[in-house]
């Protein structure tokens, strides 16, 4: 196997002995607050759908919007917003 010409040689890798700092990690992960908002279907009048119950009970969703006031009795953390188009 022939060596590459000098112009095309790959640079030597440097061993990184430094641990990543919190600042570098935040920059790497794009540390921003994400919101999970779930809007329940207008067809769900009495109960939430399975995905809605999972997000509501596990508190994964920051906001759960329902479109019927009857659902507020069973799910008090939800917000009734009326009909959404």
Protein backbone atom coordinates (compact mmCIF):
# COMPACT_ATOMS: atom_id res chain seq x y z
CA UNK A 1 0.00 0.00 0.00
CA UNK A 2 1.44 3.30 -1.09
CA UNK A 3 1.42 6.28 1.28
CA UNK A 4 -0.72 9.25 0.35
CA UNK A 5 0.97 12.28 -1.13
CA UNK A 6 1.91 14.90 1.51
CA UNK A 7 -0.90 17.24 0.49
CA UNK A 8 -3.59 14.61 1.11
CA UNK A 9 -2.29 13.08 4.32
CA UNK A 10 -4.74 12.90 7.13
CA UNK A 11 -3.96 15.02 10.18
CA UNK A 12 -2.94 13.22 13.33
CA UNK A 13 -5.69 12.90 15.89
CA UNK A 14 -5.06 14.51 19.23
CA UNK A 15 -6.07 12.66 22.33
CA UNK A 16 -8.60 14.72 24.27
CA UNK A 17 -7.87 14.31 27.92
CA UNK A 18 -10.19 17.13 29.01
CA UNK A 19 -13.65 16.26 30.30
CA UNK A 20 -16.55 18.18 28.77
CA UNK A 21 -17.64 21.10 30.90
CA UNK A 22 -21.22 21.96 31.74
CA UNK A 23 -21.06 24.97 29.45
CA UNK A 24 -19.86 22.89 26.50
CA UNK A 25 -22.47 20.24 27.19
CA UNK A 26 -25.27 22.82 27.22
CA UNK A 27 -24.03 24.27 23.98
CA UNK A 28 -23.86 20.80 22.48
CA UNK A 29 -27.38 19.86 23.58
CA UNK A 30 -28.84 23.27 22.67
CA UNK A 31 -30.13 23.58 26.21
CA UNK A 32 -33.58 25.06 25.75
CA UNK A 33 -36.89 24.49 27.42
CA UNK A 34 -39.24 22.49 25.25
CA UNK A 35 -43.00 22.50 25.77
CA UNK A 36 -45.19 19.47 25.20
CA UNK A 37 -48.73 20.56 24.40
CA UNK A 38 -51.46 17.99 23.79
CA UNK A 39 -54.79 18.92 22.18
CA UNK A 40 -57.49 16.31 22.67
CA UNK A 41 -59.78 15.56 19.77
CA UNK A 42 -63.23 17.19 19.67
CA UNK A 43 -64.72 13.68 19.38
CA UNK A 44 -63.59 12.84 22.94
CA UNK A 45 -66.48 14.13 25.08
CA UNK A 46 -66.37 11.97 28.22
CA UNK A 47 -62.82 10.61 28.53
CA UNK A 48 -59.37 11.31 27.20
CA UNK A 49 -57.87 9.07 24.55
CA UNK A 50 -55.17 6.60 25.56
CA UNK A 51 -52.40 8.92 24.40
CA UNK A 52 -54.02 11.80 26.27
CA UNK A 53 -54.28 9.75 29.48
CA UNK A 54 -50.64 8.68 29.24
CA UNK A 55 -49.43 12.23 28.73
CA UNK A 56 -51.73 13.59 31.45
CA UNK A 57 -51.14 10.95 34.14
CA UNK A 58 -47.38 10.75 33.63
CA UNK A 59 -47.23 14.58 33.56
CA UNK A 60 -45.28 14.48 30.32
CA UNK A 61 -47.42 17.16 28.70
CA UNK A 62 -46.95 20.66 30.07
CA UNK A 63 -50.44 21.60 28.90
CA UNK A 64 -53.43 19.43 27.98
CA UNK A 65 -56.17 21.24 26.09
CA UNK A 66 -59.65 19.74 25.95
CA UNK A 67 -62.55 20.97 23.86
CA UNK A 68 -65.44 19.95 26.14
CA UNK A 69 -66.10 21.31 29.67
CA UNK A 70 -67.29 17.85 30.81
CA UNK A 71 -63.68 16.64 30.71
CA UNK A 72 -62.58 19.20 33.31
CA UNK A 73 -64.43 17.29 36.04
CA UNK A 74 -62.27 14.21 35.47
CA UNK A 75 -59.07 16.00 34.47
CA UNK A 76 -58.71 19.19 36.56
CA UNK A 77 -55.23 20.10 35.28
CA UNK A 78 -56.53 20.28 31.72
CA UNK A 79 -57.59 23.56 30.16
CA UNK A 80 -60.88 23.87 28.33
CA UNK A 81 -60.40 26.00 25.24
CA UNK A 82 -63.65 25.32 23.42
CA UNK A 83 -63.65 24.34 19.78
CA UNK A 84 -60.39 24.63 17.90
CA UNK A 85 -60.44 24.80 14.13
